[in-house]
Each structure stands twice: as structure tokens, then as C-alpha cells.
Protein backbone atom coordinates (compact mmCIF):
# COMPACT_ATOMS: atom_id res chain seq x y z
CA MET A 1 27.31 72.05 100.47
CA LYS A 2 24.80 69.27 100.34
CA LYS A 3 22.37 71.71 98.86
CA TYR A 4 24.70 72.48 95.97
CA LEU A 5 25.39 68.80 95.35
CA PHE A 6 21.66 68.10 95.21
CA ILE A 7 21.12 70.92 92.72
CA LEU A 8 24.04 69.68 90.56
CA THR A 9 22.69 66.14 90.58
CA ALA A 10 19.26 67.37 89.59
CA LEU A 11 20.73 69.35 86.70
CA VAL A 12 22.68 66.31 85.48
CA ILE A 13 19.58 64.13 85.60
CA LEU A 14 17.56 66.76 83.80
CA GLY A 15 20.22 67.08 81.11
CA CYS A 16 20.31 63.37 80.51
CA SER A 17 16.56 63.22 80.31
CA SER A 18 16.52 66.00 77.75
CA GLU A 19 19.14 64.21 75.62
CA GLU A 20 17.15 60.96 75.64
CA SER A 21 14.03 62.84 74.62
CA SER A 22 15.89 64.38 71.71
CA GLU A 23 17.16 60.98 70.59
CA VAL A 24 13.65 59.56 70.72
CA ASP A 25 12.35 62.40 68.61
CA ILE A 26 15.09 61.88 66.04
CA SER A 27 14.46 58.12 66.03
CA ASN A 28 10.75 58.67 65.58
CA LEU A 29 11.42 61.05 62.72
CA SER A 30 13.68 58.51 60.99
CA SER A 31 11.05 55.74 61.32
CA LYS A 32 8.40 57.95 59.80
CA GLU A 33 10.61 58.67 56.81
CA SER A 34 11.31 54.94 56.32
CA LEU A 35 7.62 54.17 56.54
CA GLU A 36 6.79 56.78 53.96
CA SER A 37 9.53 55.42 51.69
CA ALA A 38 8.20 51.89 52.13
CA LYS A 39 4.71 53.09 51.32
CA ASP A 40 6.03 54.68 48.14
CA GLU A 41 7.82 51.47 47.15
CA ILE A 42 4.69 49.41 47.82
CA SER A 43 2.69 51.83 45.73
CA ASP A 44 5.23 51.51 42.92
CA LEU A 45 5.12 47.71 43.21
CA LYS A 46 1.33 47.73 43.04
CA LYS A 47 1.47 49.91 39.98
CA SER A 48 4.09 47.65 38.38
CA LEU A 49 2.07 44.57 39.28
CA LEU A 50 -1.02 46.01 37.67
CA GLU A 51 0.96 46.78 34.56
CA ASN A 52 2.41 43.21 34.55
CA GLU A 53 -1.06 41.76 35.02
CA ASP A 54 -2.20 43.64 31.94
CA THR A 55 0.81 42.30 30.04
CA ILE A 56 0.14 38.72 31.23
CA ASP A 57 -3.52 39.00 30.28
CA SER A 58 -2.50 40.25 26.87
CA PHE A 59 0.05 37.43 26.53
CA VAL A 60 -2.52 34.80 27.56
CA GLU A 61 -4.99 36.24 25.10
CA ASN A 62 -2.38 36.09 22.33
CA ILE A 63 -1.58 32.46 23.18
CA SER A 64 -5.28 31.65 23.08
CA ILE A 65 -5.55 33.25 19.64
CA ILE A 66 -2.47 31.36 18.43
CA ASN A 67 -3.90 28.06 19.73
CA GLU A 68 -7.15 28.77 17.95
CA ASN A 69 -5.28 29.55 14.73
CA VAL A 70 -3.25 26.34 15.07
CA LYS A 71 -6.43 24.35 15.63
CA ASN A 72 -8.06 25.94 12.59
CA LEU A 73 -4.92 25.28 10.54
CA SER A 74 -4.87 21.65 11.71
CA ASP A 75 -8.52 21.29 10.75
CA ASP A 76 -7.73 22.80 7.35
CA VAL A 77 -4.84 20.34 6.87
CA LEU A 78 -7.04 17.38 7.80
CA SER A 79 -9.75 18.65 5.49
CA THR A 80 -7.23 19.09 2.67
CA GLN A 81 -5.84 15.59 3.24
CA SER A 82 -9.33 14.16 3.18
CA GLN A 83 -10.11 16.03 -0.03
CA LEU A 84 -6.83 14.80 -1.55
CA ASN A 85 -7.67 11.21 -0.62
CA ASN A 86 -11.13 11.58 -2.11
CA LEU A 87 -9.69 13.07 -5.30
CA MET A 88 -7.19 10.22 -5.62
CA GLU A 89 -9.99 7.71 -5.10
CA GLU A 90 -12.12 9.47 -7.70
CA ASN A 91 -9.15 9.55 -10.07
CA ASN A 92 -8.71 5.78 -9.76
CA ASN A 93 -12.42 5.27 -10.37
CA LEU A 94 -12.29 7.53 -13.42
CA LYS A 95 -9.35 5.57 -14.80
CA GLU A 96 -11.28 2.33 -14.48
CA GLU A 97 -14.38 3.89 -16.03
CA ASN A 98 -12.26 5.24 -18.86
CA LEU A 99 -10.86 1.79 -19.58
CA LEU A 100 -14.33 0.29 -19.57
CA LEU A 101 -15.54 3.04 -21.87
CA GLN A 102 -12.67 2.42 -24.26
CA MET A 103 -13.48 -1.27 -24.33
CA SER A 104 -17.15 -0.53 -25.00
CA LEU A 105 -16.20 1.78 -27.84
CA ARG A 106 -13.98 -0.92 -29.31
CA ASN A 107 -16.81 -3.42 -29.14
CA LEU A 108 -19.20 -0.97 -30.77
CA ARG A 109 -16.67 -0.15 -33.47
CA THR A 110 -16.15 -3.84 -34.13
CA GLN A 111 -19.90 -4.41 -34.26
CA TYR A 112 -20.46 -1.70 -36.86
CA GLU A 113 -17.39 -2.62 -38.86
CA THR A 114 -18.26 -6.33 -39.09
CA PRO A 115 -20.63 -6.05 -42.10
CA ASP A 116 -18.01 -4.03 -43.97
CA ILE A 117 -15.37 -6.62 -43.17
CA GLU A 118 -17.57 -9.42 -44.47
CA LYS A 119 -18.35 -7.50 -47.67
CA SER A 120 -14.75 -6.53 -48.27
CA SER A 121 -13.54 -10.09 -47.75
CA GLU A 122 -15.75 -11.21 -50.63
CA LYS A 123 -13.95 -8.79 -52.94
CA ILE A 124 -10.40 -9.87 -52.03
CA PRO A 125 -8.70 -11.63 -54.95
CA SER A 126 -8.00 -15.28 -54.27
CA THR A 127 -4.31 -14.67 -54.80
CA LEU A 128 -4.23 -12.54 -51.63
CA ILE A 129 -5.90 -15.14 -49.43
CA ILE A 130 -3.25 -17.05 -47.51
CA PRO A 131 -4.00 -20.78 -47.63
CA PRO A 132 -3.90 -22.74 -44.33
CA GLU A 133 -0.74 -24.56 -45.38
CA LYS A 134 1.05 -21.23 -45.82
CA GLU A 135 -0.06 -20.08 -42.34
CA ILE A 136 1.26 -23.28 -40.80
CA LYS A 137 4.57 -23.01 -42.64
CA ASP A 138 5.05 -19.40 -41.56
CA SER A 139 4.20 -20.32 -37.98
CA LYS A 140 6.71 -23.16 -38.03
CA ASP A 141 9.35 -20.74 -39.23
CA GLN A 142 8.38 -18.34 -36.45
CA PHE A 143 8.33 -21.01 -33.73
CA PRO A 144 10.83 -23.69 -34.87
CA ASN A 145 10.56 -25.68 -31.62
CA ASN A 146 6.85 -26.30 -32.13
CA THR A 147 5.71 -29.60 -33.72
CA PHE A 148 1.93 -29.32 -33.31
CA LEU A 149 1.11 -26.28 -35.42
CA ASN A 150 -1.33 -28.10 -37.70
CA ARG A 151 -3.85 -28.78 -34.94
CA ASN A 152 -5.60 -25.37 -35.20
CA ASN A 153 -7.41 -25.85 -31.90
CA LEU A 154 -7.07 -24.39 -28.44
CA ARG A 155 -7.70 -26.13 -25.13
CA ILE A 156 -7.62 -24.12 -21.90
CA GLU A 157 -8.33 -25.53 -18.44
CA GLY A 158 -7.81 -24.55 -14.83
CA SER A 159 -8.86 -22.37 -11.93
CA ASP A 160 -12.37 -20.94 -11.70
CA SER A 161 -10.92 -17.64 -10.40
CA VAL A 162 -9.03 -17.16 -13.68
CA TYR A 163 -11.85 -18.44 -15.88
CA PRO A 164 -13.76 -15.08 -16.06
CA TYR A 165 -10.65 -13.37 -17.47
CA ILE A 166 -9.96 -15.87 -20.21
CA ASN A 167 -13.59 -16.55 -21.02
CA GLN A 168 -14.21 -12.83 -21.53
CA ALA A 169 -11.09 -12.58 -23.68
CA LEU A 170 -12.14 -15.58 -25.78
CA LYS A 171 -15.56 -14.08 -26.44
CA ASN A 172 -14.02 -10.82 -27.62
CA TYR A 173 -11.34 -12.61 -29.62
CA THR A 174 -13.77 -14.96 -31.38
CA TYR A 175 -16.18 -12.13 -32.19
CA LYS A 176 -13.42 -9.92 -33.53
CA ASN A 177 -11.80 -12.59 -35.69
CA LEU A 178 -15.08 -14.12 -36.96
CA ASN A 179 -13.52 -17.56 -37.26
CA ASP A 180 -14.66 -21.10 -36.66
CA ASN A 181 -11.59 -22.23 -34.77
CA ASP A 182 -11.98 -25.09 -32.34
CA ILE A 183 -11.64 -23.35 -28.96
CA GLU A 184 -12.63 -24.85 -25.63
CA ILE A 185 -12.22 -23.51 -22.09
CA THR A 186 -13.04 -25.58 -19.01
CA GLN A 187 -13.07 -24.87 -15.28
CA THR A 188 -11.29 -27.69 -13.47
CA GLY A 189 -9.16 -28.03 -10.40
CA GLN A 190 -5.65 -26.64 -10.56
CA ASP A 191 -4.10 -30.08 -9.98
CA GLU A 192 -6.11 -31.67 -12.78
CA ALA A 193 -5.17 -28.86 -15.16
CA PHE A 194 -1.51 -29.37 -14.34
CA GLU A 195 -1.67 -33.08 -15.16
CA LYS A 196 -3.25 -32.35 -18.54
CA PHE A 197 -0.70 -29.61 -19.16
CA LEU A 198 2.10 -32.06 -18.36
CA ASP A 199 0.61 -34.67 -20.72
CA GLY A 200 0.21 -32.16 -23.55
CA GLU A 201 -3.59 -32.35 -23.61
CA ILE A 202 -4.02 -28.58 -23.19
CA GLN A 203 -2.01 -25.64 -24.46
CA ILE A 204 -2.85 -23.19 -21.66
CA ALA A 205 -3.37 -23.88 -17.95
CA MET A 206 -5.08 -21.34 -15.68
CA ALA A 207 -3.79 -21.11 -12.10
CA SER A 208 -5.09 -19.05 -9.18
CA SER A 209 -1.52 -18.93 -7.85
CA LYS A 210 1.97 -19.82 -8.93
CA TRP A 211 2.72 -23.54 -9.13
CA HIS A 212 4.99 -25.10 -6.52
CA ASP A 213 8.53 -26.36 -6.93
CA ARG A 214 7.36 -29.96 -7.28
CA GLU A 215 5.32 -29.05 -10.37
CA PHE A 216 8.23 -27.19 -11.93
CA ASN A 217 10.53 -30.12 -11.20
CA GLN A 218 8.13 -32.45 -13.02
CA LEU A 219 7.99 -30.13 -16.03
CA ASP A 220 11.77 -29.92 -16.16
CA ALA A 221 12.10 -33.69 -15.81
CA GLU A 222 9.77 -34.19 -18.80
CA GLY A 223 11.58 -31.51 -20.79
CA ILE A 224 8.44 -29.40 -21.22
CA ASN A 225 9.05 -26.01 -22.81
CA TYR A 226 6.69 -23.61 -21.04
CA THR A 227 6.20 -19.97 -20.02
CA GLN A 228 4.42 -18.67 -16.94
CA ILE A 229 2.53 -15.40 -17.37
CA PRO A 230 1.17 -13.50 -14.35
CA ILE A 231 -2.02 -11.82 -15.53
CA SER A 232 -3.23 -10.00 -12.40
CA TYR A 233 -2.17 -9.54 -8.81
CA PHE A 234 -3.29 -8.68 -5.31
CA GLY A 235 -0.92 -7.68 -2.54
CA ILE A 236 -0.91 -6.28 0.99
CA ALA A 237 1.33 -3.31 1.73
CA PHE A 238 2.37 -2.43 5.28
CA ILE A 239 2.59 1.31 5.70
CA VAL A 240 4.23 3.60 8.26
CA ASN A 241 4.54 7.35 8.70
CA ARG A 242 6.90 8.95 6.18
CA ASN A 243 9.20 10.09 9.03
CA ASN A 244 9.52 6.58 10.43
CA LYS A 245 13.01 5.12 9.85
CA LEU A 246 11.82 1.52 9.58
CA GLU A 247 12.76 0.22 6.11
CA CYS A 248 12.41 -3.54 6.00
CA LEU A 249 10.92 -6.51 7.86
CA THR A 250 10.93 -10.25 7.37
CA ARG A 251 7.60 -11.99 6.94
CA LYS A 252 8.23 -13.82 10.22
CA LYS A 253 9.00 -10.65 12.21
CA LEU A 254 6.04 -8.80 10.76
CA SER A 255 3.75 -11.70 11.68
CA GLN A 256 5.11 -11.68 15.24
CA ILE A 257 4.32 -7.97 15.51
CA TRP A 258 0.75 -8.19 14.25
CA ILE A 259 -0.38 -11.50 15.73
CA GLU A 260 -2.68 -11.80 18.73
CA GLY A 261 -0.69 -11.91 21.98
CA SER A 262 2.26 -10.01 20.50
CA ASN A 263 4.69 -8.33 22.92
CA PHE A 264 5.68 -5.57 20.50
CA TYR A 265 4.35 -2.24 21.76
CA THR A 266 7.03 0.33 20.87
CA TRP A 267 9.10 0.86 17.73
CA ASN A 268 12.46 0.34 19.44
CA GLN A 269 11.32 -3.18 20.34
CA ILE A 270 11.36 -3.88 16.61
CA GLU A 271 14.75 -2.22 16.05
CA GLN A 272 16.76 -0.54 18.81
CA ARG A 273 17.63 2.41 16.58
CA LEU A 274 13.96 3.33 16.17
CA SER A 275 11.88 5.68 18.30
CA SER A 276 10.61 4.65 21.72
CA SER A 277 7.15 5.92 20.83
CA GLN A 278 4.18 3.58 20.98
CA ILE A 279 3.03 1.66 17.91
CA GLN A 280 -0.54 2.44 16.90
CA PHE A 281 -2.07 -0.28 14.74
CA PHE A 282 -4.62 0.42 12.00
CA GLY A 283 -6.26 -1.94 9.55
CA HIS A 284 -9.42 -3.12 7.86
CA ASN A 285 -12.30 -4.71 9.72
CA LEU A 286 -11.20 -8.06 11.08
CA ASP A 287 -13.92 -9.85 9.11
CA SER A 288 -12.85 -8.23 5.80
CA ILE A 289 -11.32 -10.17 2.91
CA ILE A 290 -7.98 -8.36 3.12
CA SER A 291 -7.68 -9.15 6.86
CA ASP A 292 -8.49 -12.78 6.10
CA TYR A 293 -5.75 -12.92 3.45
CA PHE A 294 -3.28 -11.29 5.86
CA VAL A 295 -3.93 -13.86 8.58
CA ARG A 296 -3.91 -16.70 6.06
CA ASP A 297 -0.37 -15.86 4.91
CA MET A 298 1.12 -15.14 8.34
CA HIS A 299 4.31 -16.93 9.35
CA THR A 300 3.14 -18.10 12.76
CA GLY A 301 5.80 -20.73 13.46
CA ASP A 302 5.29 -22.09 16.97
CA MET A 303 2.85 -19.33 17.93
CA GLN A 304 -0.49 -20.66 19.08
CA SER A 305 -2.73 -17.88 17.76
CA LYS A 306 -3.75 -17.35 14.17
CA ASN A 307 -5.60 -14.07 14.73
CA LEU A 308 -4.69 -10.42 14.44
CA ARG A 309 -3.92 -8.40 17.56
CA ARG A 310 -6.27 -5.64 18.66
CA ILE A 311 -6.19 -2.81 16.12
CA VAL A 312 -8.10 0.35 15.28
CA GLU A 313 -10.44 -0.88 12.55
CA LYS A 314 -11.10 1.41 9.60
CA GLN A 315 -13.63 1.19 6.80
CA ASN A 316 -11.34 1.69 3.81
CA HIS A 317 -7.81 2.33 2.57
CA THR A 318 -8.25 6.10 2.60
CA GLU A 319 -9.00 6.20 6.34
CA ILE A 320 -6.01 3.99 7.15
CA ILE A 321 -3.64 6.10 5.04
CA SER A 322 -4.93 9.29 6.68
CA ALA A 323 -4.45 7.89 10.20
CA VAL A 324 -0.89 6.69 9.54
CA ASN A 325 -0.03 9.98 7.85
CA GLN A 326 -1.14 11.97 10.91
CA LEU A 327 0.42 9.80 13.63
CA PHE A 328 4.17 9.18 13.79
CA GLY A 329 3.60 5.82 15.48
CA GLY A 330 0.99 4.68 12.96
CA PHE A 331 1.35 1.21 11.40
CA GLY A 332 -1.28 -0.08 8.97
CA PHE A 333 -2.00 -2.58 6.20
CA ILE A 334 -3.81 -1.82 2.93
CA ASP A 335 -4.21 -3.04 -0.65
CA SER A 336 -0.78 -2.56 -2.24
CA ALA A 337 -2.36 -0.90 -5.28
CA LYS A 338 -3.65 1.91 -3.03
CA VAL A 339 -0.28 3.07 -1.66
CA ASN A 340 0.38 6.78 -2.23
CA PRO A 341 3.14 9.28 -1.29
CA MET A 342 1.38 10.32 1.93
CA VAL A 343 2.82 7.22 3.63
CA LYS A 344 5.78 4.85 3.26
CA ALA A 345 5.39 1.17 2.42
CA ILE A 346 8.10 -0.91 4.08
CA ASP A 347 10.04 -3.55 2.16
CA LEU A 348 9.43 -7.21 2.93
CA THR A 349 11.50 -10.36 2.58
CA HIS A 350 11.36 -14.05 3.44
CA ASN A 351 15.07 -14.12 4.29
CA TRP A 352 16.98 -13.19 7.43
CA ASP A 353 20.56 -13.48 8.67
CA MET A 354 21.90 -15.38 11.68
CA ASN A 355 20.77 -12.60 14.01
CA GLY A 356 17.23 -12.58 12.66
CA ASN A 357 17.68 -9.31 10.76
CA PRO A 358 16.19 -8.85 7.27
CA ASN A 359 18.40 -10.07 4.45
CA ASP A 360 18.13 -9.41 0.70
CA CYS A 361 15.39 -6.86 1.27
CA LYS A 362 15.58 -5.05 -2.07
CA GLU A 363 12.06 -4.89 -3.45
CA SER A 364 8.90 -3.87 -1.66
CA ASN A 365 5.70 -5.82 -2.11
CA TYR A 366 4.17 -3.23 -4.41
CA LYS A 367 7.15 -2.42 -6.67
CA ASN A 368 7.94 -5.85 -8.09
CA THR A 369 4.49 -7.31 -8.62
CA SER A 370 5.02 -8.42 -12.21
CA ASN A 371 7.89 -10.83 -11.49
CA PRO A 372 6.38 -14.32 -11.04
CA ASP A 373 9.61 -15.55 -9.47
CA SER A 374 9.96 -12.77 -6.91
CA GLY A 375 8.14 -14.77 -4.23
CA LEU A 376 7.23 -11.60 -2.39
CA PRO A 377 5.47 -11.99 0.98
CA PHE A 378 1.76 -11.20 1.05
CA MET A 379 1.55 -11.14 -2.75
CA TRP A 380 -0.82 -13.28 -4.80
CA GLN A 381 -0.86 -13.68 -8.59
CA ARG A 382 -3.19 -15.29 -11.08
CA VAL A 383 -1.09 -17.04 -13.68
CA LEU A 384 -1.36 -18.57 -17.15
CA TYR A 385 1.00 -21.35 -18.23
CA VAL A 386 1.70 -21.94 -21.93
CA ASN A 387 2.97 -25.31 -23.19
CA HIS A 388 5.02 -24.44 -26.28
CA ASP A 389 5.39 -28.09 -27.24
CA VAL A 390 1.69 -28.31 -28.13
CA ALA A 391 0.85 -24.66 -28.82
CA ASP A 392 -0.12 -23.68 -32.37
CA LYS A 393 -0.63 -20.42 -34.23
CA LEU A 394 -4.11 -20.07 -32.77
CA THR A 395 -2.61 -20.27 -29.27
CA TYR A 396 -0.19 -17.44 -29.94
CA ASP A 397 -2.74 -15.33 -31.79
CA PHE A 398 -5.08 -15.53 -28.83
CA LEU A 399 -2.34 -14.84 -26.27
CA GLU A 400 -1.16 -11.80 -28.20
CA TYR A 401 -4.73 -10.49 -28.38
CA TYR A 402 -5.27 -11.14 -24.68
CA LEU A 403 -2.06 -9.41 -23.55
CA ASN A 404 -2.81 -6.40 -25.74
CA ASN A 405 -6.20 -6.01 -24.04
CA ALA A 406 -5.48 -7.47 -20.60
CA THR A 407 -6.03 -4.28 -18.63
CA GLU A 408 -9.65 -3.69 -19.61
CA ILE A 409 -10.39 -7.43 -19.64
CA THR A 410 -9.14 -7.72 -16.05
CA ILE A 411 -11.24 -4.81 -14.82
CA THR A 412 -14.35 -6.16 -16.54
CA ALA A 413 -13.84 -9.76 -15.42
CA GLU A 414 -13.34 -8.78 -11.76
CA GLU A 415 -16.99 -7.69 -11.65
CA PHE A 416 -18.03 -11.32 -12.14
CA ILE A 417 -15.79 -12.83 -9.46
CA THR A 418 -17.80 -13.22 -6.26
CA ASN A 419 -16.08 -16.14 -4.55
CA GLY A 420 -14.87 -14.18 -1.55
CA GLU A 421 -11.55 -13.08 -3.04
CA PRO A 422 -10.21 -9.53 -3.06
CA ALA A 423 -10.15 -7.49 -6.25
CA TYR A 424 -7.09 -8.33 -8.30
CA HIS A 425 -5.40 -5.62 -10.33
CA PRO A 426 -4.05 -5.53 -13.88
CA TYR A 427 -0.41 -4.88 -14.60
CA SER A 428 0.79 -2.02 -16.76
CA GLN A 429 0.75 -2.43 -20.53
CA LEU A 430 4.56 -2.35 -20.48
CA ASP A 431 4.50 -5.42 -18.24
CA TYR A 432 2.12 -7.22 -20.59
CA ASP A 433 4.39 -6.34 -23.52
CA ASP A 434 7.30 -7.88 -21.62
CA PHE A 435 5.24 -11.04 -21.03
CA TRP A 436 4.59 -11.35 -24.77
CA ASN A 437 8.29 -10.88 -25.51
CA GLN A 438 9.04 -13.69 -23.07
CA ILE A 439 6.54 -15.94 -24.85
CA GLU A 440 8.22 -15.27 -28.19
CA LYS A 441 11.62 -15.94 -26.69
CA ASP A 442 10.59 -19.21 -25.04
CA ALA A 443 8.82 -20.33 -28.22
CA GLY A 444 12.05 -19.88 -30.15
CA ASN A 445 11.25 -16.73 -32.07
CA LEU A 446 14.11 -14.66 -30.66
CA ASN A 447 16.76 -17.37 -30.40
């Protein structure tokens, strides 16, 4: 019995062992299949990775090409802007040369025509020659408020910076008219010229800048009938990028921004609605005439410094315009006559409201240059003053000649001014025509 039990037990153990062995074989087979599958997936991943690497390399190469194209395009734009600036500069120079050439041609024409004029005047019948009394009578009819028309002389005094203009005009006028009129021009101080103007000793006073309120009050108190005529101007324009939303500043605020020790570094410090980007300052060399004029006219108030803050100094207007055009945060100052559409010149005013914001900011400092009463910040004018109470026909003849030729006279005269002042610019001929109309009106011709 025991023998059979032993055999049965052995068979059971053997059966169990065989079953376990079968399970192990099946398990091993399953693991091998999983491993092979994993190997296949890894192989596929490697293949996909290699393909992606090729795609990435191609993408990187394309980006590199695009960057290179953008760089080349940027260089082309900068080159085009530089060429445009140079062309505009050349155009301005050609305009000035053209005016000088026209004036030279006029002088030559006058020179060659003079003998013919002298000969023809000898042949004019005496009945066509207007006697002096007739000229005076006609002038009195034209300017009824004038009581000194029989003097037939002209006295001009004033600033040495205006003298080259009027002296050049007098030379041309005298040569053209071939007359022996009594004309005298003298360089004196502006204050001395005003006193003589007030006393009626001179018909025309030359001023390097507009007279002050106290002078005008004296003229009004004495009942002097006069006209002020701006003959040339120089102004500073403050330019920003065309996309900048800044429109207007007061002279005081602008001075606070540009002065040494200023705490203005970003645009939204100037106005909260503006960008938070940094302000980048550009200007002329600090020892230049235009920088000197800028500092001289700053509204410093209680600020200790009277110097400009640190800026990127440029050699000329073209470089400053180019820099401001390229940089959104650019802020520069240039000669107002050099402003062009590549940048935006902000408006300026002396006035501000209770909160310190600009008030009555309607005209920018390069749009309203011909108005002597505009009082624009950073704008300087050379001015003539005419005393109608002592002016005679000779006075008006000369003024009409001067205003008809003021543009070329201004350009020519500026070449002789070397007293450390910037180059002043002529107005348009339309402006000069308006000045003459004002003279006629003030003299009584249009009333």
C-alpha cells in the first residue's frame, strides 16, 4: 500500500514539475516576442528621429537664409535712406546755387543794360520826365499818413548781424537805380538804434531779434506808426520717430527732459499714455552753434545745471534724422529748416494748464516761422522796423526792392556773417509779399 502511495506521490510531483516547465517556456516565448516588438519600435523611432533631424536641419538652414535675407534687406533700406538723405541735401544745395546763379545773371544783365538805359534816358522827351514835386505829391496820395516825404533820404541803423543783408541790398538797389539819393547805413547797438527810431532820426531800424514789450509800449505811448518785418529766421526742431504718439511739449518740460541731471529715461515718464521704451537722445556736437543756442534758450527755472544731458553726438542733421527714423525711441534736435517727412517734429508752446500739460499748442516751431508775434520757443528772427512817420518814397522803394529780392540777398549775405551765429534762412516769396502788403496797409495805402 505504501508502495502505491509513494508511486502516486511521485507521479503528482512529476506532473506539477512538467506543468511549471511548460509555463516557463510559454513565458519565455512571450518575453521574446515583446523584446522583438520593442526592438522594432526602437528601430522605427530611430528612423523617425533621423527623418526629423533632417527636417530640423532643413528648417534651421531656411531660418538662417531668411535671417541673411532680412539683414541684406535692412542694409539695403539703410543704404536707400542714406542715399535719400544725400539727395535731399544735394537738392537743397542746388536750390541755393540756383538762387545765387539767378542773382548773378541779374547783376550781369543790369551791368550790360546800364549803357543802354543811360542812352535811352537822354532821348526821353522832357514831358515824360516826372518832376520831383510830382513824385512827392503822388507819394503823399499813396501814403496819406506820411508828413516827411520831401526828405528824399534814407537812414538805417542797427544790429551788425542784420547789416550784411541790408548793405548788400543797398548796393544792388543803388547800382540798379543809378541815382544819387542820400542813403546811409550804420552798424550800432540795438538799443541805440531803437532810441533813434523812437525819436524819428532813422526810417529803418535793424534788429537781431524781436524787440521786447517795453520797447513796443514806448512806441505806442509816443503814437509811432511802425511795421515790424521778419527778414530771416533760425529755429530748432525737436524730432521723434514717425510712430511716436508724442505731439506737443512746453518749453519748460522739454528743457527738463534734455538738461543735465534729468530723470526722464522712458517715454511714459513724459506722458503716461506713451510707450515704456527707453528714450535715446541724439543731437549735434555739444560745442556746436546749434547746441549752444539750444542751451541758451532753455527754461531752466530752479534747476542748477545749464548743460545738455549725455547724448549720442552726430556730425550733421542727416545723421540725426537717420538715427531717429530707425529707432522708435529716438529723440533729436536739428535745424528746423532741415525737417523732412522721415521724422516728426513735435509742436512746442510756452503755455501750460494747471496740471502742467501743454496748452494752446497749435503751431510747431517750423510751420509758423514768418509770424513775428508767434513767440515760438527756440525760434530766432532778424527783424526790420519801419517808422512810417518819417519814411519817404525812397524808403518804400528800397523796401519793395529788398522784399522782392530777399531770398537771394539772404543766402548771399549769410556767407559774410562769421560772428558765431547759425545760418539763418530766408522765408518764401509769398511771405515776403505778405510783409510788403502789411507795409502798405500800415502806411495807409489800403485804408
